[in-house]
Amino acid sequence: MSEQRRKYNVTVLNRDKVPTYPKVGEAVIMTLITYIAAGLPPHTVRIPKDKWTTELERITIKESIESRLKERPETYKV
């Protein structure tokens, strides 16, 4: 059985470089990519600057979208 690959229309709103400190005194520059996709609110994914590629960005965003689509919103009355 062949696996059907879904495609999503994505708009990248912003890319920022931000230092993070996973260990005291050790800075790691992260690329933060904020995107929107149809039916979903804006979201930001993070990729280490030294590992960022266009292909990795696309894979990361697609995985993010698919994970978010599996979630169901919580609704209640207040």
Protein backbone atom coordinates (compact mmCIF):
# COMPACT_ATOMS: atom_id res chain seq x y z
CA MET A 1 0.00 0.00 0.00
CA SER A 2 1.52 3.33 -1.00
CA GLU A 3 1.74 6.07 1.56
CA GLN A 4 -0.10 9.22 0.51
CA ARG A 5 1.87 12.38 1.22
CA ARG A 6 -0.18 15.39 2.24
CA LYS A 7 0.94 18.85 1.28
CA TYR A 8 0.11 22.00 3.20
CA ASN A 9 0.16 25.62 2.09
CA VAL A 10 2.44 27.41 4.54
CA THR A 11 3.35 31.06 4.91
CA VAL A 12 6.51 31.82 6.87
CA LEU A 13 5.82 35.02 8.76
CA ASN A 14 9.22 35.48 10.35
CA ARG A 15 12.65 33.95 10.96
CA ASP A 16 14.64 35.12 13.98
CA LYS A 17 18.01 34.14 15.41
CA VAL A 18 17.87 33.89 19.20
CA PRO A 19 20.57 32.81 21.65
CA THR A 20 19.59 30.07 24.07
CA TYR A 21 21.58 28.65 26.96
CA PRO A 22 21.07 24.90 27.37
CA LYS A 23 24.07 24.88 29.74
CA VAL A 24 25.41 27.72 31.85
CA GLY A 25 27.82 29.77 29.77
CA GLU A 26 27.14 27.81 26.57
CA ALA A 27 25.19 29.80 24.00
CA VAL A 28 23.41 28.04 21.14
CA ILE A 29 21.89 30.22 18.43
CA MET A 30 18.45 28.96 17.42
CA THR A 31 16.52 29.88 14.31
CA LEU A 32 12.89 30.50 15.27
CA ILE A 33 10.50 30.16 12.34
CA THR A 34 6.95 31.48 12.79
CA TYR A 35 4.48 30.18 10.22
CA ILE A 36 0.78 29.90 9.49
CA ALA A 37 -1.07 27.13 7.70
CA ALA A 38 -4.73 27.01 6.68
CA GLY A 39 -7.02 26.37 9.63
CA LEU A 40 -4.30 26.72 12.26
CA PRO A 41 -3.16 29.69 14.33
CA PRO A 42 0.43 30.93 13.95
CA HIS A 43 3.07 28.68 15.45
CA THR A 44 6.84 28.83 15.97
CA VAL A 45 9.30 25.98 15.48
CA ARG A 46 12.96 26.00 16.53
CA ILE A 47 16.00 24.69 14.68
CA PRO A 48 19.63 25.15 15.76
CA LYS A 49 21.21 27.76 13.46
CA ASP A 50 24.14 25.49 12.53
CA LYS A 51 21.73 22.70 11.46
CA TRP A 52 19.18 24.88 9.63
CA THR A 53 18.52 24.09 5.97
CA THR A 54 15.52 24.80 3.79
CA GLU A 55 14.76 21.08 3.67
CA LEU A 56 14.98 20.67 7.47
CA GLU A 57 12.75 23.72 7.91
CA ARG A 58 10.10 22.19 5.64
CA ILE A 59 10.27 18.81 7.36
CA THR A 60 10.06 20.41 10.81
CA ILE A 61 7.08 22.57 9.84
CA LYS A 62 5.27 19.60 8.24
CA GLU A 63 5.80 17.48 11.37
CA SER A 64 4.55 20.38 13.48
CA ILE A 65 1.41 20.76 11.36
CA GLU A 66 0.63 17.04 11.44
CA SER A 67 1.11 16.92 15.20
CA ARG A 68 -1.12 19.95 15.72
CA LEU A 69 -3.86 18.56 13.46
CA LYS A 70 -4.07 15.44 15.65
CA GLU A 71 -4.83 17.58 18.70
CA ARG A 72 -8.43 18.37 19.51
CA PRO A 73 -9.32 21.72 21.00
CA GLU A 74 -10.79 21.72 24.48
CA THR A 75 -14.17 23.36 24.78
CA TYR A 76 -16.25 24.17 27.84
CA LYS A 77 -18.78 26.68 29.15
CA VAL A 78 -17.89 29.35 31.66
